[in-house]
Amino acid sequence: MIPTFATFFEAAMQPLSSNPDVMFYAGLTIQVEDNKIAGISKNGGRFGYLSPPGSLLDILDQQLMWNSIVFRSKVVDCVGVLDIDVGGPADIDFEFRVAAHHPVIISNEPSAIYTLHSQNFYARSSDYKLYLPGFKLIINKMMSDESLSLDTRIQVKNRLNAWLANILIALAVRASLKGEFDNVSAIAKY
């Protein structure tokens, strides 16, 4: 079934109503390109009610897409707003800050559609500077969160570094295909 806003919202509201401690509900995102399904957001990991710090580690593994998440409005009182200093990955940082300290619900049901198109800035850009400083800041913030165990912080750091490496590889390939060899060289230094 192709998700609509109504079905997604209904699917999110029932478990949120039953679990007042949960700060967000996230489903899978169908990615569409050229009017064809190009993929579904990563669906590994556990589903259902997840408590911290396991919820944070699962979020790192699943790499949720922002458009398939319904947040409680009170989440802002708990973790604040998006950190503009993080830049491009501010949405990811926000998800991590929530999941590090609050239960979440992850569904294996498609909940949103994201259309990839040639005019999408992030889909076209090979500028590693859009990602690298933000990911470094996220890693530093997670490593300095002493409410998380040292083992959890190390796992978070390792997973974020692996995630960042995959992004940098994709950006290097994109830059190479565009003939932006200075960008490829700069990316290779990291």
N, C-alpha and C. Protein backbone atom coordinates (compact mmCIF):
# COMPACT_ATOMS: atom_id res chain seq x y z
N MET A 1 0.84 -1.18 0.00
CA MET A 1 0.00 0.00 0.00
C MET A 1 0.89 1.25 0.00
N ILE A 2 0.60 2.17 -0.89
CA ILE A 2 1.33 3.44 -0.95
C ILE A 2 0.84 4.31 0.21
N PRO A 3 1.75 4.83 1.02
CA PRO A 3 1.33 5.64 2.16
C PRO A 3 0.78 6.99 1.72
N THR A 4 -0.18 7.47 2.46
CA THR A 4 -0.67 8.82 2.32
C THR A 4 -0.45 9.50 3.65
N PHE A 5 -0.58 10.82 3.68
CA PHE A 5 -0.39 11.50 4.96
C PHE A 5 -1.37 10.97 5.99
N ALA A 6 -2.63 10.75 5.58
CA ALA A 6 -3.64 10.29 6.54
C ALA A 6 -3.28 8.92 7.11
N THR A 7 -2.87 7.98 6.26
CA THR A 7 -2.55 6.64 6.77
C THR A 7 -1.29 6.68 7.63
N PHE A 8 -0.31 7.48 7.24
CA PHE A 8 0.91 7.61 8.03
C PHE A 8 0.59 8.21 9.39
N PHE A 9 -0.18 9.28 9.39
CA PHE A 9 -0.50 9.95 10.64
C PHE A 9 -1.31 9.03 11.56
N GLU A 10 -2.29 8.33 10.99
CA GLU A 10 -3.08 7.38 11.79
C GLU A 10 -2.20 6.28 12.36
N ALA A 11 -1.30 5.74 11.54
CA ALA A 11 -0.40 4.68 11.99
C ALA A 11 0.50 5.17 13.11
N ALA A 12 0.90 6.43 13.07
CA ALA A 12 1.77 6.99 14.10
C ALA A 12 1.01 7.31 15.38
N MET A 13 -0.19 7.83 15.26
CA MET A 13 -0.92 8.32 16.43
C MET A 13 -1.33 7.20 17.39
N GLN A 14 -1.67 6.04 16.90
CA GLN A 14 -2.10 4.97 17.79
C GLN A 14 -1.00 4.55 18.75
N PRO A 15 0.20 4.21 18.29
CA PRO A 15 1.24 3.84 19.25
C PRO A 15 1.73 5.02 20.10
N LEU A 16 1.68 6.23 19.56
CA LEU A 16 2.07 7.40 20.36
C LEU A 16 1.06 7.61 21.49
N SER A 17 -0.22 7.41 21.19
CA SER A 17 -1.26 7.56 22.22
C SER A 17 -1.12 6.50 23.31
N SER A 18 -0.73 5.31 22.92
CA SER A 18 -0.60 4.20 23.88
C SER A 18 0.69 4.26 24.69
N ASN A 19 1.66 5.05 24.25
CA ASN A 19 2.98 5.12 24.89
C ASN A 19 3.38 6.57 25.09
N PRO A 20 2.88 7.21 26.16
CA PRO A 20 3.14 8.64 26.34
C PRO A 20 4.60 9.00 26.56
N ASP A 21 5.45 8.03 26.87
CA ASP A 21 6.88 8.32 27.07
C ASP A 21 7.66 8.34 25.76
N VAL A 22 7.06 7.85 24.68
CA VAL A 22 7.72 7.79 23.37
C VAL A 22 7.75 9.19 22.76
N MET A 23 8.91 9.59 22.24
CA MET A 23 9.06 10.93 21.69
C MET A 23 8.88 11.01 20.18
N PHE A 24 9.06 9.87 19.47
CA PHE A 24 8.72 9.89 18.06
C PHE A 24 8.41 8.50 17.54
N TYR A 25 7.66 8.52 16.44
CA TYR A 25 7.31 7.32 15.67
C TYR A 25 7.95 7.50 14.31
N ALA A 26 8.63 6.46 13.82
CA ALA A 26 9.26 6.54 12.50
C ALA A 26 8.92 5.29 11.69
N GLY A 27 8.58 5.51 10.45
CA GLY A 27 8.35 4.41 9.53
C GLY A 27 9.41 4.42 8.44
N LEU A 28 9.22 3.59 7.46
CA LEU A 28 10.14 3.53 6.33
C LEU A 28 9.74 4.57 5.29
N THR A 29 10.69 4.95 4.46
CA THR A 29 10.44 5.92 3.40
C THR A 29 10.67 5.26 2.05
N ILE A 30 9.68 5.39 1.18
CA ILE A 30 9.81 4.91 -0.20
C ILE A 30 10.50 6.03 -0.99
N GLN A 31 11.59 5.69 -1.65
CA GLN A 31 12.32 6.68 -2.45
C GLN A 31 11.95 6.48 -3.92
N VAL A 32 11.48 7.56 -4.54
CA VAL A 32 11.02 7.51 -5.93
C VAL A 32 11.92 8.40 -6.77
N GLU A 33 12.32 7.86 -7.93
CA GLU A 33 13.12 8.62 -8.89
C GLU A 33 12.64 8.27 -10.28
N ASP A 34 12.40 9.30 -11.10
CA ASP A 34 11.89 9.10 -12.46
C ASP A 34 10.61 8.26 -12.45
N ASN A 35 9.72 8.55 -11.52
CA ASN A 35 8.42 7.88 -11.39
C ASN A 35 8.52 6.38 -11.14
N LYS A 36 9.66 5.94 -10.63
CA LYS A 36 9.85 4.53 -10.29
C LYS A 36 10.37 4.45 -8.87
N ILE A 37 10.02 3.38 -8.18
CA ILE A 37 10.54 3.17 -6.84
C ILE A 37 12.02 2.85 -6.96
N ALA A 38 12.85 3.70 -6.36
CA ALA A 38 14.30 3.53 -6.41
C ALA A 38 14.80 2.75 -5.20
N GLY A 39 14.00 2.70 -4.16
CA GLY A 39 14.40 1.98 -2.97
C GLY A 39 13.51 2.31 -1.79
N ILE A 40 13.76 1.63 -0.72
CA ILE A 40 13.06 1.88 0.54
C ILE A 40 14.15 2.11 1.57
N SER A 41 13.94 3.12 2.42
CA SER A 41 14.96 3.43 3.42
C SER A 41 15.36 2.18 4.16
N LYS A 42 16.58 2.19 4.61
CA LYS A 42 17.17 1.02 5.27
C LYS A 42 16.21 0.46 6.33
N ASN A 43 16.02 -0.84 6.31
CA ASN A 43 15.06 -1.43 7.23
C ASN A 43 15.69 -2.50 8.12
N GLY A 44 16.99 -2.41 8.32
CA GLY A 44 17.63 -3.35 9.23
C GLY A 44 17.35 -2.95 10.67
N GLY A 45 17.78 -3.75 11.59
CA GLY A 45 17.60 -3.41 12.99
C GLY A 45 16.28 -3.89 13.55
N ARG A 46 15.98 -3.41 14.73
CA ARG A 46 14.78 -3.83 15.43
C ARG A 46 13.63 -2.88 15.16
N PHE A 47 12.42 -3.37 15.33
CA PHE A 47 11.23 -2.55 15.17
C PHE A 47 10.43 -2.61 16.46
N GLY A 48 9.53 -1.65 16.61
CA GLY A 48 8.69 -1.59 17.79
C GLY A 48 9.19 -0.55 18.76
N TYR A 49 8.85 -0.75 20.03
CA TYR A 49 9.21 0.17 21.11
C TYR A 49 10.67 -0.05 21.46
N LEU A 50 11.48 1.00 21.36
CA LEU A 50 12.91 0.89 21.63
C LEU A 50 13.29 1.91 22.70
N SER A 51 14.01 1.45 23.71
CA SER A 51 14.45 2.31 24.81
C SER A 51 15.92 2.68 24.63
N PRO A 52 16.31 3.84 25.19
CA PRO A 52 17.72 4.23 25.11
C PRO A 52 18.57 3.36 26.04
N PRO A 53 19.82 3.16 25.74
CA PRO A 53 20.55 3.69 24.58
C PRO A 53 20.38 2.85 23.33
N GLY A 54 19.73 1.68 23.46
CA GLY A 54 19.53 0.82 22.29
C GLY A 54 18.79 1.53 21.17
N SER A 55 17.86 2.41 21.52
CA SER A 55 17.13 3.16 20.49
C SER A 55 18.08 4.00 19.65
N LEU A 56 19.06 4.62 20.29
CA LEU A 56 20.04 5.42 19.56
C LEU A 56 20.86 4.53 18.62
N LEU A 57 21.31 3.40 19.12
CA LEU A 57 22.12 2.51 18.28
C LEU A 57 21.31 1.97 17.11
N ASP A 58 20.03 1.67 17.34
CA ASP A 58 19.18 1.21 16.25
C ASP A 58 18.96 2.31 15.21
N ILE A 59 18.79 3.54 15.67
CA ILE A 59 18.61 4.66 14.74
C ILE A 59 19.86 4.82 13.87
N LEU A 60 21.01 4.66 14.49
CA LEU A 60 22.26 4.74 13.72
C LEU A 60 22.32 3.65 12.65
N ASP A 61 21.83 2.47 12.97
CA ASP A 61 21.83 1.38 12.01
C ASP A 61 20.79 1.57 10.92
N GLN A 62 19.63 2.10 11.27
CA GLN A 62 18.54 2.21 10.31
C GLN A 62 18.63 3.43 9.43
N GLN A 63 19.31 4.47 9.88
CA GLN A 63 19.44 5.71 9.10
C GLN A 63 18.07 6.19 8.60
N LEU A 64 17.24 6.56 9.55
CA LEU A 64 15.89 7.01 9.25
C LEU A 64 15.89 8.25 8.39
N MET A 65 14.81 8.41 7.65
CA MET A 65 14.65 9.64 6.87
C MET A 65 13.66 10.53 7.61
N TRP A 66 14.00 11.78 7.71
CA TRP A 66 13.27 12.78 8.46
C TRP A 66 11.79 12.83 8.10
N ASN A 67 11.46 12.64 6.82
CA ASN A 67 10.08 12.80 6.38
C ASN A 67 9.17 11.65 6.79
N SER A 68 9.70 10.61 7.43
CA SER A 68 8.85 9.49 7.87
C SER A 68 8.71 9.47 9.39
N ILE A 69 8.93 10.60 10.05
CA ILE A 69 8.91 10.67 11.51
C ILE A 69 7.83 11.64 11.97
N VAL A 70 7.07 11.22 12.98
CA VAL A 70 6.15 12.11 13.68
C VAL A 70 6.71 12.31 15.08
N PHE A 71 7.04 13.56 15.41
CA PHE A 71 7.57 13.91 16.72
C PHE A 71 6.46 14.43 17.62
N ARG A 72 6.56 14.14 18.90
CA ARG A 72 5.69 14.79 19.87
C ARG A 72 6.12 16.25 19.97
N SER A 73 5.17 17.14 20.17
CA SER A 73 5.53 18.56 20.28
C SER A 73 6.38 18.81 21.52
N LYS A 74 6.19 18.02 22.58
CA LYS A 74 6.97 18.25 23.80
C LYS A 74 8.43 17.84 23.66
N VAL A 75 8.81 17.24 22.53
CA VAL A 75 10.20 16.85 22.34
C VAL A 75 11.12 18.07 22.38
N VAL A 76 10.60 19.21 21.95
CA VAL A 76 11.40 20.44 21.96
C VAL A 76 11.74 20.83 23.39
N ASP A 77 10.82 20.60 24.32
CA ASP A 77 11.10 20.89 25.73
C ASP A 77 12.16 19.95 26.30
N CYS A 78 12.25 18.76 25.74
CA CYS A 78 13.18 17.75 26.25
C CYS A 78 14.58 17.87 25.66
N VAL A 79 14.71 18.13 24.37
CA VAL A 79 16.03 18.15 23.73
C VAL A 79 16.34 19.44 22.99
N GLY A 80 15.42 20.36 22.97
CA GLY A 80 15.64 21.61 22.25
C GLY A 80 15.24 21.51 20.79
N VAL A 81 15.71 22.46 20.02
CA VAL A 81 15.37 22.53 18.59
C VAL A 81 16.56 22.08 17.76
N LEU A 82 16.42 22.15 16.45
CA LEU A 82 17.52 21.82 15.55
C LEU A 82 18.71 22.71 15.85
N ASP A 83 19.88 22.13 15.84
CA ASP A 83 21.12 22.86 16.10
C ASP A 83 21.65 23.37 14.76
N ILE A 84 21.50 24.66 14.51
CA ILE A 84 21.93 25.21 13.21
C ILE A 84 23.43 25.13 13.01
N ASP A 85 24.19 25.01 14.09
CA ASP A 85 25.64 24.88 13.96
C ASP A 85 26.04 23.56 13.28
N VAL A 86 25.16 22.57 13.34
CA VAL A 86 25.44 21.27 12.73
C VAL A 86 25.30 21.36 11.21
N GLY A 87 24.51 22.29 10.73
CA GLY A 87 24.35 22.45 9.29
C GLY A 87 23.48 21.36 8.68
N GLY A 88 23.92 20.85 7.52
CA GLY A 88 23.14 19.88 6.74
C GLY A 88 22.60 18.70 7.52
N PRO A 89 23.39 18.05 8.37
CA PRO A 89 22.87 16.90 9.11
C PRO A 89 22.17 17.26 10.43
N ALA A 90 21.62 18.48 10.53
CA ALA A 90 20.94 18.89 11.77
C ALA A 90 19.75 17.99 12.09
N ASP A 91 19.07 17.49 11.05
CA ASP A 91 17.94 16.59 11.29
C ASP A 91 18.40 15.29 11.94
N ILE A 92 19.53 14.78 11.47
CA ILE A 92 20.08 13.54 12.01
C ILE A 92 20.50 13.76 13.46
N ASP A 93 21.16 14.87 13.73
CA ASP A 93 21.56 15.21 15.08
C ASP A 93 20.35 15.25 16.01
N PHE A 94 19.28 15.86 15.56
CA PHE A 94 18.05 15.96 16.36
C PHE A 94 17.50 14.57 16.69
N GLU A 95 17.41 13.71 15.68
CA GLU A 95 16.94 12.33 15.91
C GLU A 95 17.81 11.63 16.94
N PHE A 96 19.12 11.78 16.82
CA PHE A 96 20.05 11.12 17.75
C PHE A 96 19.88 11.63 19.17
N ARG A 97 19.73 12.96 19.31
CA ARG A 97 19.57 13.52 20.66
C ARG A 97 18.30 13.01 21.31
N VAL A 98 17.25 12.84 20.51
CA VAL A 98 16.00 12.30 21.06
C VAL A 98 16.18 10.85 21.45
N ALA A 99 16.68 10.03 20.53
CA ALA A 99 16.79 8.58 20.77
C ALA A 99 17.82 8.24 21.84
N ALA A 100 18.77 9.13 22.09
CA ALA A 100 19.78 8.87 23.12
C ALA A 100 19.17 8.88 24.52
N HIS A 101 18.04 9.57 24.68
CA HIS A 101 17.50 9.77 26.02
C HIS A 101 16.03 9.42 26.19
N HIS A 102 15.36 9.07 25.09
CA HIS A 102 13.92 8.81 25.17
C HIS A 102 13.55 7.60 24.32
N PRO A 103 12.52 6.87 24.74
CA PRO A 103 12.04 5.76 23.90
C PRO A 103 11.46 6.29 22.58
N VAL A 104 11.55 5.45 21.57
CA VAL A 104 11.00 5.76 20.25
C VAL A 104 10.30 4.50 19.73
N ILE A 105 9.47 4.66 18.73
CA ILE A 105 8.85 3.52 18.07
C ILE A 105 9.27 3.55 16.61
N ILE A 106 9.82 2.42 16.14
CA ILE A 106 10.23 2.27 14.75
C ILE A 106 9.32 1.23 14.11
N SER A 107 8.72 1.60 13.01
CA SER A 107 7.82 0.71 12.29
C SER A 107 8.50 0.21 11.02
N ASN A 108 8.14 -0.99 10.61
CA ASN A 108 8.67 -1.51 9.34
C ASN A 108 7.67 -1.29 8.20
N GLU A 109 6.72 -0.40 8.43
CA GLU A 109 5.72 -0.06 7.41
C GLU A 109 6.16 1.19 6.65
N PRO A 110 5.98 1.20 5.32
CA PRO A 110 6.25 2.44 4.57
C PRO A 110 5.34 3.55 5.09
N SER A 111 5.94 4.70 5.36
CA SER A 111 5.19 5.79 5.97
C SER A 111 5.31 7.10 5.21
N ALA A 112 6.22 7.19 4.27
CA ALA A 112 6.40 8.43 3.53
C ALA A 112 7.00 8.13 2.17
N ILE A 113 6.85 9.09 1.29
CA ILE A 113 7.44 9.00 -0.05
C ILE A 113 8.38 10.20 -0.21
N TYR A 114 9.58 9.93 -0.67
CA TYR A 114 10.56 10.98 -0.93
C TYR A 114 10.92 10.90 -2.40
N THR A 115 10.71 11.99 -3.11
CA THR A 115 11.01 12.01 -4.54
C THR A 115 12.38 12.61 -4.77
N LEU A 116 13.27 11.78 -5.33
CA LEU A 116 14.59 12.24 -5.73
C LEU A 116 14.45 12.90 -7.10
N HIS A 117 15.07 14.06 -7.26
CA HIS A 117 14.98 14.73 -8.55
C HIS A 117 16.27 15.49 -8.81
N SER A 118 16.48 15.83 -10.05
CA SER A 118 17.75 16.43 -10.46
C SER A 118 17.97 17.82 -9.86
N GLN A 119 16.92 18.48 -9.42
CA GLN A 119 17.06 19.82 -8.84
C GLN A 119 17.33 19.79 -7.34
N ASN A 120 17.31 18.61 -6.74
CA ASN A 120 17.59 18.48 -5.32
C ASN A 120 19.06 18.81 -5.08
N PHE A 121 19.30 19.83 -4.24
CA PHE A 121 20.66 20.30 -4.03
C PHE A 121 21.57 19.20 -3.51
N TYR A 122 21.13 18.48 -2.49
CA TYR A 122 21.98 17.46 -1.89
C TYR A 122 22.19 16.27 -2.84
N ALA A 123 21.24 16.01 -3.71
CA ALA A 123 21.40 14.93 -4.67
C ALA A 123 22.42 15.29 -5.75
N ARG A 124 22.60 16.59 -6.00
CA ARG A 124 23.51 17.03 -7.06
C ARG A 124 24.89 17.40 -6.52
N SER A 125 24.95 17.80 -5.27
CA SER A 125 26.18 18.36 -4.74
C SER A 125 27.22 17.29 -4.43
N SER A 126 28.47 17.64 -4.67
CA SER A 126 29.58 16.78 -4.26
C SER A 126 30.44 17.50 -3.23
N ASP A 127 29.87 18.53 -2.59
CA ASP A 127 30.61 19.35 -1.63
C ASP A 127 30.62 18.68 -0.26
N TYR A 128 31.75 18.10 0.05
CA TYR A 128 31.90 17.38 1.32
C TYR A 128 31.76 18.32 2.52
N LYS A 129 31.97 19.61 2.31
CA LYS A 129 31.88 20.58 3.42
C LYS A 129 30.45 20.72 3.94
N LEU A 130 29.48 20.25 3.17
CA LEU A 130 28.09 20.27 3.63
C LEU A 130 27.86 19.24 4.73
N TYR A 131 28.67 18.21 4.77
CA TYR A 131 28.46 17.09 5.68
C TYR A 131 29.52 16.97 6.76
N LEU A 132 30.77 17.09 6.37
CA LEU A 132 31.88 16.78 7.27
C LEU A 132 31.86 17.57 8.58
N PRO A 133 31.77 18.89 8.55
CA PRO A 133 31.77 19.63 9.83
C PRO A 133 30.60 19.24 10.73
N GLY A 134 29.44 19.04 10.13
CA GLY A 134 28.26 18.67 10.91
C GLY A 134 28.40 17.31 11.56
N PHE A 135 28.90 16.34 10.81
CA PHE A 135 29.09 15.01 11.37
C PHE A 135 30.15 15.02 12.46
N LYS A 136 31.20 15.80 12.26
CA LYS A 136 32.23 15.90 13.31
C LYS A 136 31.63 16.50 14.58
N LEU A 137 30.78 17.51 14.43
CA LEU A 137 30.13 18.12 15.59
C LEU A 137 29.20 17.12 16.28
N ILE A 138 28.44 16.36 15.50
CA ILE A 138 27.56 15.34 16.09
C ILE A 138 28.39 14.33 16.87
N ILE A 139 29.47 13.87 16.29
CA ILE A 139 30.33 12.89 16.98
C ILE A 139 30.86 13.48 18.28
N ASN A 140 31.33 14.72 18.23
CA ASN A 140 31.85 15.36 19.44
C ASN A 140 30.76 15.51 20.51
N LYS A 141 29.54 15.89 20.08
CA LYS A 141 28.44 16.04 21.03
C LYS A 141 28.09 14.70 21.68
N MET A 142 28.03 13.65 20.87
CA MET A 142 27.69 12.33 21.42
C MET A 142 28.80 11.83 22.35
N MET A 143 30.05 12.07 21.97
CA MET A 143 31.16 11.62 22.81
C MET A 143 31.22 12.38 24.14
N SER A 144 30.72 13.60 24.17
CA SER A 144 30.77 14.38 25.41
C SER A 144 29.51 14.21 26.27
N ASP A 145 28.56 13.43 25.80
CA ASP A 145 27.32 13.19 26.56
C ASP A 145 27.59 12.13 27.63
N GLU A 146 27.96 12.59 28.81
CA GLU A 146 28.35 11.67 29.88
C GLU A 146 27.18 10.89 30.47
N SER A 147 25.96 11.22 30.06
CA SER A 147 24.82 10.40 30.51
C SER A 147 24.79 9.07 29.76
N LEU A 148 25.54 8.99 28.65
CA LEU A 148 25.67 7.73 27.92
C LEU A 148 26.91 7.00 28.43
N SER A 149 26.84 5.69 28.49
CA SER A 149 28.00 4.93 28.94
C SER A 149 29.14 5.09 27.93
N LEU A 150 30.35 4.89 28.39
CA LEU A 150 31.51 4.99 27.50
C LEU A 150 31.38 3.99 26.35
N ASP A 151 30.93 2.77 26.64
CA ASP A 151 30.75 1.77 25.59
C ASP A 151 29.77 2.26 24.53
N THR A 152 28.65 2.85 24.96
CA THR A 152 27.66 3.38 24.01
C THR A 152 28.27 4.51 23.19
N ARG A 153 28.98 5.42 23.83
CA ARG A 153 29.60 6.53 23.10
C ARG A 153 30.59 6.03 22.06
N ILE A 154 31.36 5.01 22.39
CA ILE A 154 32.33 4.45 21.43
C ILE A 154 31.59 3.80 20.26
N GLN A 155 30.51 3.06 20.57
CA GLN A 155 29.73 2.46 19.49
C GLN A 155 29.14 3.53 18.58
N VAL A 156 28.62 4.60 19.19
CA VAL A 156 28.05 5.70 18.41
C VAL A 156 29.13 6.31 17.51
N LYS A 157 30.28 6.58 18.08
CA LYS A 157 31.38 7.18 17.31
C LYS A 157 31.77 6.28 16.13
N ASN A 158 31.92 4.99 16.38
CA ASN A 158 32.31 4.07 15.31
C ASN A 158 31.25 4.01 14.22
N ARG A 159 29.98 3.96 14.60
CA ARG A 159 28.91 3.89 13.59
C ARG A 159 28.79 5.19 12.81
N LEU A 160 28.94 6.32 13.51
CA LEU A 160 28.89 7.60 12.79
C LEU A 160 30.07 7.75 11.85
N ASN A 161 31.24 7.32 12.26
CA ASN A 161 32.41 7.38 11.37
C ASN A 161 32.20 6.50 10.14
N ALA A 162 31.60 5.32 10.32
CA ALA A 162 31.32 4.45 9.17
C ALA A 162 30.28 5.09 8.26
N TRP A 163 29.26 5.69 8.84
CA TRP A 163 28.21 6.36 8.07
C TRP A 163 28.84 7.51 7.28
N LEU A 164 29.67 8.30 7.93
CA LEU A 164 30.34 9.42 7.27
C LEU A 164 31.25 8.93 6.15
N ALA A 165 31.96 7.83 6.38
CA ALA A 165 32.83 7.27 5.33
C ALA A 165 32.01 6.91 4.10
N ASN A 166 30.84 6.32 4.29
CA ASN A 166 29.98 5.96 3.15
C ASN A 166 29.51 7.21 2.40
N ILE A 167 29.18 8.27 3.15
CA ILE A 167 28.78 9.52 2.51
C ILE A 167 29.93 10.10 1.71
N LEU A 168 31.12 10.11 2.30
CA LEU A 168 32.28 10.68 1.62
C LEU A 168 32.63 9.88 0.36
N ILE A 169 32.50 8.57 0.42
CA ILE A 169 32.75 7.75 -0.78
C ILE A 169 31.75 8.11 -1.87
N ALA A 170 30.47 8.22 -1.52
CA ALA A 170 29.45 8.58 -2.50
C ALA A 170 29.73 9.97 -3.09
N LEU A 171 30.15 10.90 -2.23
CA LEU A 171 30.47 12.25 -2.71
C LEU A 171 31.68 12.24 -3.63
N ALA A 172 32.69 11.42 -3.30
CA ALA A 172 33.88 11.33 -4.14
C ALA A 172 33.53 10.76 -5.51
N VAL A 173 32.68 9.76 -5.53
CA VAL A 173 32.24 9.18 -6.80
C VAL A 173 31.49 10.24 -7.61
N ARG A 174 30.57 10.94 -6.95
CA ARG A 174 29.81 11.99 -7.64
C ARG A 174 30.73 13.07 -8.18
N ALA A 175 31.71 13.50 -7.36
CA ALA A 175 32.66 14.53 -7.80
C ALA A 175 33.50 14.03 -8.98
N SER A 176 33.91 12.78 -8.91
CA SER A 176 34.72 12.20 -9.98
C SER A 176 33.94 12.18 -11.29
N LEU A 177 32.69 11.76 -11.22
CA LEU A 177 31.86 11.70 -12.43
C LEU A 177 31.62 13.09 -13.02
N LYS A 178 31.66 14.11 -12.17
CA LYS A 178 31.47 15.48 -12.64
C LYS A 178 32.80 16.14 -13.02
N GLY A 179 33.91 15.42 -12.88
CA GLY A 179 35.22 15.97 -13.21
C GLY A 179 35.75 16.95 -12.17
N GLU A 180 35.21 16.88 -10.96
CA GLU A 180 35.64 17.79 -9.88
C GLU A 180 36.76 17.12 -9.09
N PHE A 181 37.91 17.00 -9.71
CA PHE A 181 39.01 16.22 -9.12
C PHE A 181 39.63 16.89 -7.89
N ASP A 182 39.51 18.23 -7.78
CA ASP A 182 39.98 18.89 -6.56
C ASP A 182 39.15 18.45 -5.36
N ASN A 183 37.84 18.31 -5.57
CA ASN A 183 36.95 17.82 -4.52
C ASN A 183 37.29 16.38 -4.16
N VAL A 184 37.58 15.55 -5.16
CA VAL A 184 37.93 14.16 -4.90
C VAL A 184 39.19 14.10 -4.05
N SER A 185 40.18 14.91 -4.38
CA SER A 185 41.43 14.93 -3.60
C SER A 185 41.19 15.40 -2.17
N ALA A 186 40.36 16.42 -2.02
CA ALA A 186 40.07 16.94 -0.68
C ALA A 186 39.33 15.89 0.16
N ILE A 187 38.38 15.20 -0.45
CA ILE A 187 37.62 14.17 0.24
C ILE A 187 38.56 13.02 0.66
N ALA A 188 39.48 12.68 -0.22
CA ALA A 188 40.41 11.56 0.06
C ALA A 188 41.27 11.83 1.27
N LYS A 189 41.50 13.09 1.60
CA LYS A 189 42.32 13.45 2.76
C LYS A 189 41.65 13.10 4.09
N TYR A 190 40.33 12.91 4.06
CA TYR A 190 39.61 12.59 5.29
C TYR A 190 39.49 11.11 5.41
